[in-house]
Amino acid sequence: MLRFDQVSKRYPGSGEVLKNVSFTVERGRMAFITGHSGAGKSTVLRLAAMMERPTRGNILLADKNITRISAHGVPFLRRRLGLIFQDYRLLYDRTVFDNVALPLLIAGFGPDEIERRTRAALNKVGLAGFERRYPVTLSGGEQQR
């Protein structure tokens, strides 16, 4: 479960981007964030992943207040979230296969399971056969998948 409780975020020189935002996403649920440009969608994602800290309020993940988490604990926190960023967050020095496999490797899956899941994911999005290619060789739509 991810919960924002009266979360606000202020950036120097641009005022308050989020003001007293509260919502809950239950475990196992998928949520979409929509809104006009500048509404704070990316800020919400950066706060949830602790790429930034809120100015006020609390963010809870599995009933733990992550606003107080240390910098050392942030990578462990991110293993519990699934976020899709607008700019894809690809590692351009790694192959398509390696980019897809990396979260599984970090999560501690074994080589056989990583191979199976990665190939299944690539097949599902129409990228089977692209495993050894690098992101720079893919179209924008292929990178997004």
N, C-alpha and C. Protein backbone atom coordinates (compact mmCIF):
# COMPACT_ATOMS: atom_id res chain seq x y z
N MET A 1 0.83 -1.17 0.00
CA MET A 1 0.00 0.00 0.00
C MET A 1 0.89 1.24 0.00
N LEU A 2 0.54 2.18 -0.86
CA LEU A 2 1.23 3.48 -0.91
C LEU A 2 0.22 4.54 -0.51
N ARG A 3 0.59 5.36 0.46
CA ARG A 3 -0.34 6.41 0.91
C ARG A 3 0.38 7.74 1.03
N PHE A 4 -0.19 8.75 0.40
CA PHE A 4 0.24 10.14 0.58
C PHE A 4 -0.74 10.75 1.57
N ASP A 5 -0.22 11.37 2.62
CA ASP A 5 -1.05 11.97 3.66
C ASP A 5 -0.69 13.45 3.81
N GLN A 6 -1.53 14.31 3.23
CA GLN A 6 -1.34 15.76 3.32
C GLN A 6 0.05 16.19 2.85
N VAL A 7 0.49 15.63 1.71
CA VAL A 7 1.83 15.89 1.18
C VAL A 7 1.85 17.19 0.39
N SER A 8 2.85 18.01 0.67
CA SER A 8 3.08 19.24 -0.07
C SER A 8 4.53 19.25 -0.53
N LYS A 9 4.76 19.90 -1.67
CA LYS A 9 6.12 20.05 -2.19
C LYS A 9 6.27 21.44 -2.75
N ARG A 10 7.29 22.13 -2.26
CA ARG A 10 7.59 23.50 -2.71
C ARG A 10 9.00 23.50 -3.28
N TYR A 11 9.14 24.12 -4.46
CA TYR A 11 10.45 24.30 -5.08
C TYR A 11 10.83 25.76 -4.96
N PRO A 12 12.08 26.05 -4.63
CA PRO A 12 12.51 27.45 -4.55
C PRO A 12 12.28 28.16 -5.89
N GLY A 13 11.67 29.30 -5.82
CA GLY A 13 11.45 30.11 -7.02
C GLY A 13 10.23 29.76 -7.84
N SER A 14 9.59 28.63 -7.55
CA SER A 14 8.41 28.28 -8.35
C SER A 14 7.18 27.97 -7.50
N GLY A 15 7.29 28.17 -6.22
CA GLY A 15 6.13 28.02 -5.36
C GLY A 15 5.78 26.57 -5.07
N GLU A 16 4.56 26.40 -4.58
CA GLU A 16 4.10 25.09 -4.17
C GLU A 16 3.54 24.33 -5.36
N VAL A 17 4.14 23.20 -5.66
CA VAL A 17 3.71 22.36 -6.78
C VAL A 17 2.60 21.42 -6.33
N LEU A 18 2.74 20.86 -5.14
CA LEU A 18 1.71 20.02 -4.54
C LEU A 18 1.30 20.64 -3.22
N LYS A 19 0.00 20.62 -2.94
CA LYS A 19 -0.48 21.19 -1.69
C LYS A 19 -1.49 20.25 -1.05
N ASN A 20 -1.10 19.69 0.08
CA ASN A 20 -1.97 18.82 0.88
C ASN A 20 -2.59 17.69 0.07
N VAL A 21 -1.77 16.97 -0.68
CA VAL A 21 -2.25 15.86 -1.51
C VAL A 21 -2.36 14.60 -0.67
N SER A 22 -3.51 13.95 -0.75
CA SER A 22 -3.74 12.70 -0.03
C SER A 22 -4.39 11.69 -0.97
N PHE A 23 -3.86 10.48 -0.98
CA PHE A 23 -4.46 9.37 -1.73
C PHE A 23 -3.85 8.07 -1.25
N THR A 24 -4.50 6.97 -1.58
CA THR A 24 -4.01 5.64 -1.23
C THR A 24 -4.11 4.74 -2.46
N VAL A 25 -3.05 3.98 -2.69
CA VAL A 25 -3.05 2.94 -3.72
C VAL A 25 -2.81 1.63 -2.99
N GLU A 26 -3.80 0.75 -3.03
CA GLU A 26 -3.70 -0.52 -2.32
C GLU A 26 -2.66 -1.44 -2.96
N ARG A 27 -2.08 -2.29 -2.18
CA ARG A 27 -1.08 -3.25 -2.65
C ARG A 27 -1.65 -4.07 -3.81
N GLY A 28 -0.83 -4.23 -4.85
CA GLY A 28 -1.22 -5.02 -6.00
C GLY A 28 -2.08 -4.29 -7.02
N ARG A 29 -2.42 -3.05 -6.72
CA ARG A 29 -3.25 -2.25 -7.63
C ARG A 29 -2.35 -1.42 -8.53
N MET A 30 -2.89 -1.05 -9.68
CA MET A 30 -2.18 -0.20 -10.61
C MET A 30 -2.89 1.15 -10.63
N ALA A 31 -2.12 2.22 -10.64
CA ALA A 31 -2.71 3.56 -10.66
C ALA A 31 -2.09 4.37 -11.79
N PHE A 32 -2.90 5.20 -12.40
CA PHE A 32 -2.44 6.10 -13.44
C PHE A 32 -2.58 7.52 -12.92
N ILE A 33 -1.58 8.33 -13.18
CA ILE A 33 -1.62 9.73 -12.77
C ILE A 33 -1.79 10.57 -14.02
N THR A 34 -2.87 11.32 -14.07
CA THR A 34 -3.13 12.18 -15.23
C THR A 34 -3.29 13.61 -14.77
N GLY A 35 -3.14 14.53 -15.70
CA GLY A 35 -3.32 15.95 -15.38
C GLY A 35 -2.59 16.80 -16.40
N HIS A 36 -2.88 18.07 -16.36
CA HIS A 36 -2.26 19.00 -17.31
C HIS A 36 -0.78 19.18 -17.00
N SER A 37 -0.07 19.73 -17.94
CA SER A 37 1.36 20.00 -17.77
C SER A 37 1.56 20.91 -16.56
N GLY A 38 2.47 20.52 -15.69
CA GLY A 38 2.75 21.31 -14.50
C GLY A 38 1.86 21.00 -13.31
N ALA A 39 1.00 19.99 -13.44
CA ALA A 39 0.08 19.65 -12.35
C ALA A 39 0.76 18.94 -11.18
N GLY A 40 1.97 18.41 -11.40
CA GLY A 40 2.69 17.75 -10.32
C GLY A 40 2.77 16.24 -10.46
N LYS A 41 2.43 15.71 -11.62
CA LYS A 41 2.45 14.25 -11.83
C LYS A 41 3.85 13.67 -11.61
N SER A 42 4.84 14.26 -12.24
CA SER A 42 6.21 13.76 -12.08
C SER A 42 6.71 13.96 -10.66
N THR A 43 6.29 15.03 -10.02
CA THR A 43 6.68 15.27 -8.63
C THR A 43 6.14 14.16 -7.74
N VAL A 44 4.91 13.74 -7.94
CA VAL A 44 4.33 12.65 -7.16
C VAL A 44 5.18 11.39 -7.31
N LEU A 45 5.57 11.06 -8.54
CA LEU A 45 6.39 9.87 -8.77
C LEU A 45 7.77 9.99 -8.12
N ARG A 46 8.38 11.17 -8.24
CA ARG A 46 9.70 11.36 -7.63
C ARG A 46 9.62 11.27 -6.11
N LEU A 47 8.53 11.76 -5.54
CA LEU A 47 8.35 11.66 -4.09
C LEU A 47 8.12 10.21 -3.67
N ALA A 48 7.31 9.47 -4.43
CA ALA A 48 7.03 8.07 -4.09
C ALA A 48 8.30 7.23 -4.13
N ALA A 49 9.20 7.55 -5.06
CA ALA A 49 10.46 6.81 -5.19
C ALA A 49 11.56 7.41 -4.32
N MET A 50 11.24 8.42 -3.54
CA MET A 50 12.18 9.14 -2.69
C MET A 50 13.37 9.69 -3.47
N MET A 51 13.10 10.10 -4.70
CA MET A 51 14.10 10.84 -5.47
C MET A 51 14.13 12.27 -4.96
N GLU A 52 13.04 12.67 -4.32
CA GLU A 52 12.91 13.97 -3.66
C GLU A 52 12.17 13.74 -2.35
N ARG A 53 12.26 14.71 -1.47
CA ARG A 53 11.56 14.65 -0.18
C ARG A 53 10.43 15.67 -0.17
N PRO A 54 9.32 15.35 0.48
CA PRO A 54 8.24 16.33 0.55
C PRO A 54 8.60 17.49 1.48
N THR A 55 8.00 18.64 1.21
CA THR A 55 8.18 19.79 2.09
C THR A 55 7.40 19.56 3.38
N ARG A 56 6.20 19.01 3.24
CA ARG A 56 5.34 18.69 4.39
C ARG A 56 4.58 17.40 4.09
N GLY A 57 4.09 16.78 5.14
CA GLY A 57 3.26 15.59 5.00
C GLY A 57 4.05 14.30 5.11
N ASN A 58 3.33 13.20 4.98
CA ASN A 58 3.93 11.87 5.13
C ASN A 58 3.59 11.00 3.93
N ILE A 59 4.55 10.15 3.58
CA ILE A 59 4.35 9.16 2.53
C ILE A 59 4.61 7.81 3.18
N LEU A 60 3.63 6.92 3.09
CA LEU A 60 3.75 5.61 3.70
C LEU A 60 3.76 4.52 2.63
N LEU A 61 4.66 3.57 2.78
CA LEU A 61 4.71 2.40 1.92
C LEU A 61 4.64 1.19 2.84
N ALA A 62 3.62 0.37 2.65
CA ALA A 62 3.39 -0.78 3.53
C ALA A 62 3.37 -0.34 5.00
N ASP A 63 2.68 0.75 5.26
CA ASP A 63 2.50 1.31 6.61
C ASP A 63 3.78 1.82 7.26
N LYS A 64 4.85 1.97 6.47
CA LYS A 64 6.10 2.53 6.99
C LYS A 64 6.26 3.94 6.43
N ASN A 65 6.53 4.90 7.31
CA ASN A 65 6.71 6.28 6.88
C ASN A 65 8.06 6.41 6.19
N ILE A 66 8.03 6.49 4.86
CA ILE A 66 9.28 6.53 4.09
C ILE A 66 9.88 7.92 4.01
N THR A 67 9.17 8.93 4.50
CA THR A 67 9.74 10.28 4.48
C THR A 67 10.91 10.40 5.45
N ARG A 68 11.02 9.45 6.35
CA ARG A 68 12.10 9.47 7.33
C ARG A 68 13.21 8.47 7.01
N ILE A 69 13.12 7.82 5.88
CA ILE A 69 14.10 6.79 5.51
C ILE A 69 15.45 7.44 5.20
N SER A 70 16.51 6.75 5.57
CA SER A 70 17.86 7.27 5.30
C SER A 70 18.20 7.10 3.83
N ALA A 71 19.20 7.83 3.37
CA ALA A 71 19.66 7.71 1.98
C ALA A 71 20.10 6.27 1.70
N HIS A 72 20.68 5.61 2.69
CA HIS A 72 21.12 4.22 2.54
C HIS A 72 19.93 3.29 2.30
N GLY A 73 18.79 3.60 2.89
CA GLY A 73 17.62 2.73 2.77
C GLY A 73 16.81 2.92 1.50
N VAL A 74 17.06 3.99 0.76
CA VAL A 74 16.26 4.31 -0.43
C VAL A 74 16.32 3.20 -1.49
N PRO A 75 17.49 2.64 -1.83
CA PRO A 75 17.49 1.57 -2.84
C PRO A 75 16.64 0.37 -2.45
N PHE A 76 16.60 0.04 -1.16
CA PHE A 76 15.79 -1.08 -0.69
C PHE A 76 14.30 -0.75 -0.83
N LEU A 77 13.96 0.49 -0.57
CA LEU A 77 12.58 0.95 -0.73
C LEU A 77 12.14 0.82 -2.19
N ARG A 78 12.98 1.23 -3.10
CA ARG A 78 12.62 1.24 -4.53
C ARG A 78 12.36 -0.15 -5.07
N ARG A 79 12.88 -1.16 -4.42
CA ARG A 79 12.63 -2.54 -4.86
C ARG A 79 11.17 -2.94 -4.64
N ARG A 80 10.45 -2.18 -3.83
CA ARG A 80 9.06 -2.49 -3.51
C ARG A 80 8.08 -1.71 -4.38
N LEU A 81 8.60 -0.86 -5.25
CA LEU A 81 7.76 -0.03 -6.11
C LEU A 81 7.96 -0.41 -7.57
N GLY A 82 6.92 -0.26 -8.35
CA GLY A 82 7.02 -0.41 -9.80
C GLY A 82 6.61 0.90 -10.44
N LEU A 83 7.57 1.63 -10.97
CA LEU A 83 7.29 2.93 -11.58
C LEU A 83 7.71 2.91 -13.04
N ILE A 84 6.93 3.53 -13.88
CA ILE A 84 7.29 3.69 -15.28
C ILE A 84 7.45 5.17 -15.54
N PHE A 85 8.66 5.58 -15.91
CA PHE A 85 8.94 6.98 -16.14
C PHE A 85 8.77 7.36 -17.59
N GLN A 86 8.47 8.61 -17.81
CA GLN A 86 8.24 9.13 -19.14
C GLN A 86 9.48 9.02 -20.02
N ASP A 87 10.66 9.12 -19.44
CA ASP A 87 11.89 9.07 -20.24
C ASP A 87 12.52 7.68 -20.27
N TYR A 88 11.80 6.68 -19.82
CA TYR A 88 12.15 5.26 -19.92
C TYR A 88 13.26 4.79 -18.98
N ARG A 89 14.17 5.66 -18.56
CA ARG A 89 15.24 5.28 -17.63
C ARG A 89 16.05 4.08 -18.12
N LEU A 90 16.40 4.06 -19.39
CA LEU A 90 17.18 2.97 -19.96
C LEU A 90 18.67 3.19 -19.71
N LEU A 91 19.39 2.11 -19.61
CA LEU A 91 20.85 2.16 -19.49
C LEU A 91 21.40 1.92 -20.88
N TYR A 92 21.95 2.96 -21.47
CA TYR A 92 22.34 2.90 -22.87
C TYR A 92 23.62 2.10 -23.12
N ASP A 93 24.34 1.75 -22.06
CA ASP A 93 25.53 0.92 -22.24
C ASP A 93 25.23 -0.56 -22.02
N ARG A 94 23.94 -0.89 -21.88
CA ARG A 94 23.51 -2.28 -21.68
C ARG A 94 22.52 -2.68 -22.77
N THR A 95 22.46 -3.96 -23.04
CA THR A 95 21.56 -4.45 -24.08
C THR A 95 20.10 -4.36 -23.63
N VAL A 96 19.21 -4.58 -24.59
CA VAL A 96 17.78 -4.62 -24.28
C VAL A 96 17.52 -5.69 -23.22
N PHE A 97 18.10 -6.87 -23.41
CA PHE A 97 17.93 -7.96 -22.45
C PHE A 97 18.37 -7.51 -21.06
N ASP A 98 19.55 -6.92 -20.97
CA ASP A 98 20.08 -6.49 -19.67
C ASP A 98 19.21 -5.43 -19.01
N ASN A 99 18.65 -4.51 -19.79
CA ASN A 99 17.78 -3.48 -19.24
C ASN A 99 16.53 -4.10 -18.63
N VAL A 100 15.95 -5.08 -19.30
CA VAL A 100 14.74 -5.72 -18.79
C VAL A 100 15.07 -6.62 -17.60
N ALA A 101 16.21 -7.28 -17.65
CA ALA A 101 16.59 -8.23 -16.60
C ALA A 101 17.06 -7.57 -15.31
N LEU A 102 17.54 -6.34 -15.38
CA LEU A 102 18.16 -5.71 -14.22
C LEU A 102 17.28 -5.69 -12.96
N PRO A 103 16.01 -5.30 -13.03
CA PRO A 103 15.20 -5.32 -11.80
C PRO A 103 15.06 -6.72 -11.20
N LEU A 104 15.03 -7.74 -12.04
CA LEU A 104 14.95 -9.11 -11.54
C LEU A 104 16.24 -9.51 -10.84
N LEU A 105 17.36 -9.09 -11.41
CA LEU A 105 18.66 -9.36 -10.80
C LEU A 105 18.76 -8.68 -9.44
N ILE A 106 18.34 -7.42 -9.37
CA ILE A 106 18.37 -6.67 -8.12
C ILE A 106 17.45 -7.31 -7.08
N ALA A 107 16.31 -7.84 -7.55
CA ALA A 107 15.35 -8.47 -6.64
C ALA A 107 15.82 -9.84 -6.15
N GLY A 108 16.93 -10.35 -6.72
CA GLY A 108 17.50 -11.59 -6.22
C GLY A 108 17.06 -12.85 -6.94
N PHE A 109 16.43 -12.73 -8.10
CA PHE A 109 16.04 -13.91 -8.86
C PHE A 109 17.28 -14.62 -9.40
N GLY A 110 17.18 -15.92 -9.57
CA GLY A 110 18.28 -16.71 -10.11
C GLY A 110 18.37 -16.57 -11.62
N PRO A 111 19.51 -16.99 -12.19
CA PRO A 111 19.75 -16.82 -13.63
C PRO A 111 18.68 -17.45 -14.53
N ASP A 112 18.23 -18.65 -14.19
CA ASP A 112 17.23 -19.32 -15.03
C ASP A 112 15.90 -18.57 -15.02
N GLU A 113 15.50 -18.11 -13.84
CA GLU A 113 14.24 -17.37 -13.72
C GLU A 113 14.34 -16.02 -14.42
N ILE A 114 15.48 -15.36 -14.29
CA ILE A 114 15.70 -14.08 -14.98
C ILE A 114 15.60 -14.29 -16.49
N GLU A 115 16.24 -15.31 -16.99
CA GLU A 115 16.19 -15.62 -18.42
C GLU A 115 14.75 -15.86 -18.88
N ARG A 116 14.02 -16.69 -18.14
CA ARG A 116 12.65 -17.03 -18.50
C ARG A 116 11.74 -15.80 -18.49
N ARG A 117 11.79 -15.05 -17.40
CA ARG A 117 10.91 -13.89 -17.27
C ARG A 117 11.26 -12.78 -18.27
N THR A 118 12.54 -12.57 -18.48
CA THR A 118 12.96 -11.51 -19.41
C THR A 118 12.53 -11.85 -20.82
N ARG A 119 12.75 -13.09 -21.24
CA ARG A 119 12.33 -13.48 -22.60
C ARG A 119 10.81 -13.41 -22.75
N ALA A 120 10.08 -13.80 -21.72
CA ALA A 120 8.61 -13.72 -21.76
C ALA A 120 8.15 -12.27 -21.89
N ALA A 121 8.79 -11.37 -21.14
CA ALA A 121 8.41 -9.95 -21.19
C ALA A 121 8.71 -9.37 -22.56
N LEU A 122 9.87 -9.67 -23.11
CA LEU A 122 10.23 -9.16 -24.43
C LEU A 122 9.29 -9.70 -25.50
N ASN A 123 8.93 -10.96 -25.38
CA ASN A 123 7.98 -11.55 -26.33
C ASN A 123 6.62 -10.87 -26.23
N LYS A 124 6.19 -10.61 -25.02
CA LYS A 124 4.87 -10.01 -24.79
C LYS A 124 4.75 -8.62 -25.41
N VAL A 125 5.84 -7.86 -25.43
CA VAL A 125 5.79 -6.50 -25.98
C VAL A 125 6.34 -6.42 -27.40
N GLY A 126 6.54 -7.58 -28.03
CA GLY A 126 6.96 -7.59 -29.42
C GLY A 126 8.43 -7.29 -29.65
N LEU A 127 9.26 -7.54 -28.65
CA LEU A 127 10.69 -7.26 -28.80
C LEU A 127 11.55 -8.52 -28.76
N ALA A 128 10.92 -9.69 -28.94
CA ALA A 128 11.71 -10.92 -29.05
C ALA A 128 12.60 -10.77 -30.27
N GLY A 129 13.86 -11.16 -30.13
CA GLY A 129 14.81 -11.00 -31.22
C GLY A 129 15.64 -9.73 -31.11
N PHE A 130 15.29 -8.86 -30.15
CA PHE A 130 16.00 -7.60 -29.95
C PHE A 130 16.95 -7.67 -28.75
N GLU A 131 17.07 -8.85 -28.16
CA GLU A 131 17.79 -9.00 -26.90
C GLU A 131 19.20 -8.43 -26.90
N ARG A 132 19.92 -8.59 -28.00
CA ARG A 132 21.33 -8.17 -28.04
C ARG A 132 21.51 -6.75 -28.56
N ARG A 133 20.42 -6.10 -28.91
CA ARG A 133 20.52 -4.73 -29.40
C ARG A 133 20.64 -3.77 -28.23
N TYR A 134 21.13 -2.57 -28.54
CA TYR A 134 21.25 -1.53 -27.53
C TYR A 134 20.13 -0.52 -27.72
N PRO A 135 19.71 0.14 -26.64
CA PRO A 135 18.58 1.08 -26.72
C PRO A 135 18.71 2.13 -27.81
N VAL A 136 19.90 2.60 -28.08
CA VAL A 136 20.10 3.65 -29.08
C VAL A 136 19.68 3.18 -30.47
N THR A 137 19.65 1.87 -30.70
CA THR A 137 19.29 1.34 -32.02
C THR A 137 17.78 1.12 -32.16
N LEU A 138 17.02 1.37 -31.10
CA LEU A 138 15.57 1.17 -31.12
C LEU A 138 14.85 2.47 -31.42
N SER A 139 13.66 2.35 -31.99
CA SER A 139 12.81 3.52 -32.18
C SER A 139 12.29 3.99 -30.83
N GLY A 140 11.71 5.17 -30.79
CA GLY A 140 11.14 5.69 -29.54
C GLY A 140 10.07 4.76 -28.98
N GLY A 141 9.21 4.26 -29.85
CA GLY A 141 8.16 3.34 -29.40
C GLY A 141 8.72 2.04 -28.87
N GLU A 142 9.77 1.53 -29.52
CA GLU A 142 10.41 0.31 -29.04
C GLU A 142 11.07 0.54 -27.69
N GLN A 143 11.71 1.68 -27.51
CA GLN A 143 12.32 2.00 -26.22
C GLN A 143 11.26 2.06 -25.13
N GLN A 144 10.13 2.63 -25.45
CA GLN A 144 9.07 2.78 -24.45
C GLN A 144 8.55 1.42 -23.99
N ARG A 145 8.44 0.49 -24.91
CA ARG A 145 7.96 -0.85 -24.54
C ARG A 145 8.92 -1.51 -23.60
